[in-house]
Amino acid sequence: QVQLLESGGGSVQDGGSLGLSCVVSGFQFRDPNYCVAWFRQAPGKRREGVATIHSSGYTVYTDSVKDRFTVSKDNPKNTLYLQMNSLKPDDTAMYYCAARPHDYCSSTESRSTFAYWGQGTQVTVSG
């Protein structure tokens, strides 16, 4: 069974930085084909994709976080990361990691395309 556990959320000032981690179990990051991702959901808004990373290391970001956020993974640790710099109040949300083993990442990922989710970690940016 695939399980995901996020950590690293918190509160920062406008312009600050935070790093999120997501430990994944149930499949191996050394596997040849999988997609893992970060999503976020602000109160009253739909869950939106932030970044995806394929097993190959290929990454895709939503426009609003390009050049500020970096998604990465550590294969031996089976851990997904999201480094967030130059944070803005609009980045305030619950952040979730998601996984889809044995598949490629798509350019049109959405909440419905991932079956496995973490419990979420809150990020609050105050201006």
Protein backbone atom coordinates (compact mmCIF):
# COMPACT_ATOMS: atom_id res chain seq x y z
CA GLN A 1 0.00 0.00 0.00
CA VAL A 2 1.31 3.44 -0.94
CA GLN A 3 1.58 5.91 1.92
CA LEU A 4 2.85 9.49 2.01
CA LEU A 5 3.79 11.62 5.01
CA GLU A 6 4.51 15.33 4.69
CA SER A 7 6.43 17.53 7.09
CA GLY A 8 8.00 20.96 7.18
CA GLY A 9 5.13 23.41 7.02
CA GLY A 10 4.92 26.50 9.19
CA SER A 11 4.54 30.26 9.27
CA VAL A 12 6.88 32.74 7.62
CA GLN A 13 6.96 36.40 6.66
CA ASP A 14 6.45 37.65 3.13
CA GLY A 15 9.68 36.92 1.22
CA GLY A 16 10.75 34.09 3.49
CA SER A 17 11.58 30.46 2.72
CA LEU A 18 10.32 27.04 3.77
CA GLY A 19 11.15 23.48 2.82
CA LEU A 20 8.65 20.64 2.72
CA SER A 21 9.40 16.90 2.77
CA CYS A 22 7.29 13.90 1.87
CA VAL A 23 8.39 10.39 2.76
CA VAL A 24 6.84 7.84 0.41
CA SER A 25 6.42 4.13 1.05
CA GLY A 26 4.82 1.36 -0.98
CA PHE A 27 6.98 1.72 -4.07
CA GLN A 28 10.63 2.55 -4.65
CA PHE A 29 11.96 5.80 -6.05
CA ARG A 30 14.52 3.70 -7.95
CA ASP A 31 11.62 2.26 -9.99
CA PRO A 32 11.80 3.35 -13.65
CA ASN A 33 8.44 5.04 -14.08
CA TYR A 34 6.37 7.01 -11.59
CA CYS A 35 5.06 10.51 -11.03
CA VAL A 36 5.12 12.38 -7.72
CA ALA A 37 3.75 15.84 -7.15
CA TRP A 38 2.98 18.71 -4.81
CA PHE A 39 -0.48 20.27 -4.70
CA ARG A 40 -1.93 23.01 -2.55
CA GLN A 41 -5.37 24.10 -1.47
CA ALA A 42 -6.30 27.45 0.02
CA PRO A 43 -9.57 27.92 1.95
CA GLY A 44 -12.49 28.15 -0.44
CA LYS A 45 -10.40 27.27 -3.48
CA ARG A 46 -9.89 24.10 -5.48
CA ARG A 47 -6.77 21.99 -5.04
CA GLU A 48 -4.17 23.06 -7.59
CA GLY A 49 -1.01 21.43 -8.83
CA VAL A 50 2.23 23.15 -7.81
CA ALA A 51 4.94 20.91 -9.26
CA THR A 52 5.47 17.41 -10.59
CA ILE A 53 8.61 15.33 -10.90
CA HIS A 54 8.92 12.15 -12.91
CA SER A 55 11.21 9.25 -12.00
CA SER A 56 13.59 10.56 -14.67
CA GLY A 57 13.92 13.84 -12.81
CA TYR A 58 11.89 15.84 -15.32
CA THR A 59 10.01 18.62 -13.53
CA VAL A 60 7.02 20.82 -14.33
CA TYR A 61 5.85 23.84 -12.34
CA THR A 62 2.72 25.90 -12.32
CA ASP A 63 3.43 29.42 -13.60
CA SER A 64 2.85 31.17 -10.27
CA VAL A 65 5.75 29.35 -8.56
CA LYS A 66 8.31 29.19 -11.37
CA ASP A 67 11.72 30.55 -10.36
CA ARG A 68 10.65 30.52 -6.69
CA PHE A 69 9.93 26.85 -5.88
CA THR A 70 12.10 23.82 -6.55
CA VAL A 71 10.86 20.22 -6.50
CA SER A 72 13.38 17.44 -6.00
CA LYS A 73 13.65 13.87 -4.77
CA ASP A 74 16.14 11.69 -2.96
CA ASN A 75 15.89 8.18 -4.35
CA PRO A 76 17.71 6.29 -1.57
CA LYS A 77 15.54 8.04 1.02
CA ASN A 78 12.32 7.65 -1.00
CA THR A 79 11.63 11.28 -0.17
CA LEU A 80 10.13 14.12 -2.19
CA TYR A 81 11.01 17.74 -1.41
CA LEU A 82 9.67 21.20 -2.17
CA GLN A 83 11.93 24.18 -1.49
CA MET A 84 9.92 27.39 -1.45
CA ASN A 85 11.71 30.74 -1.67
CA SER A 86 10.41 34.31 -1.98
CA LEU A 87 7.13 33.23 -0.43
CA LYS A 88 4.09 35.46 -0.84
CA PRO A 89 0.82 35.67 1.10
CA ASP A 90 -0.90 34.10 -1.93
CA ASP A 91 1.17 30.95 -1.30
CA THR A 92 -0.73 30.38 1.95
CA ALA A 93 -2.42 26.98 1.70
CA MET A 94 -2.43 23.38 2.83
CA TYR A 95 0.26 21.60 0.83
CA TYR A 96 -0.13 17.95 -0.16
CA CYS A 97 2.17 15.46 -1.81
CA ALA A 98 0.74 12.89 -4.20
CA ALA A 99 2.01 9.82 -6.01
CA ARG A 100 1.15 7.74 -9.05
CA PRO A 101 3.37 4.66 -9.43
CA HIS A 102 4.08 2.95 -12.72
CA ASP A 103 3.08 5.93 -14.87
CA TYR A 104 4.35 9.06 -16.58
CA CYS A 105 3.57 12.59 -15.46
CA SER A 106 1.09 14.48 -17.60
CA SER A 107 1.00 18.15 -18.51
CA THR A 108 -2.57 18.31 -17.22
CA GLU A 109 -2.37 16.83 -13.74
CA SER A 110 -5.26 17.39 -11.40
CA ARG A 111 -6.58 16.12 -8.11
CA SER A 112 -8.41 13.31 -9.87
CA THR A 113 -5.30 11.91 -11.55
CA PHE A 114 -3.59 10.89 -8.32
CA ALA A 115 -4.83 8.05 -6.13
CA TYR A 116 -2.37 8.41 -3.27
CA TRP A 117 -2.12 11.47 -1.04
CA GLY A 118 -0.46 12.65 2.13
CA GLN A 119 -2.38 14.25 4.97
CA GLY A 120 -1.18 17.75 4.18
CA THR A 121 0.98 20.36 5.90
CA GLN A 122 -0.02 23.98 6.44
CA VAL A 123 2.03 26.85 5.01
CA THR A 124 1.11 30.37 6.14
CA VAL A 125 2.79 33.47 4.73
CA SER A 126 2.05 36.74 6.44
CA GLY A 127 2.54 40.11 4.84
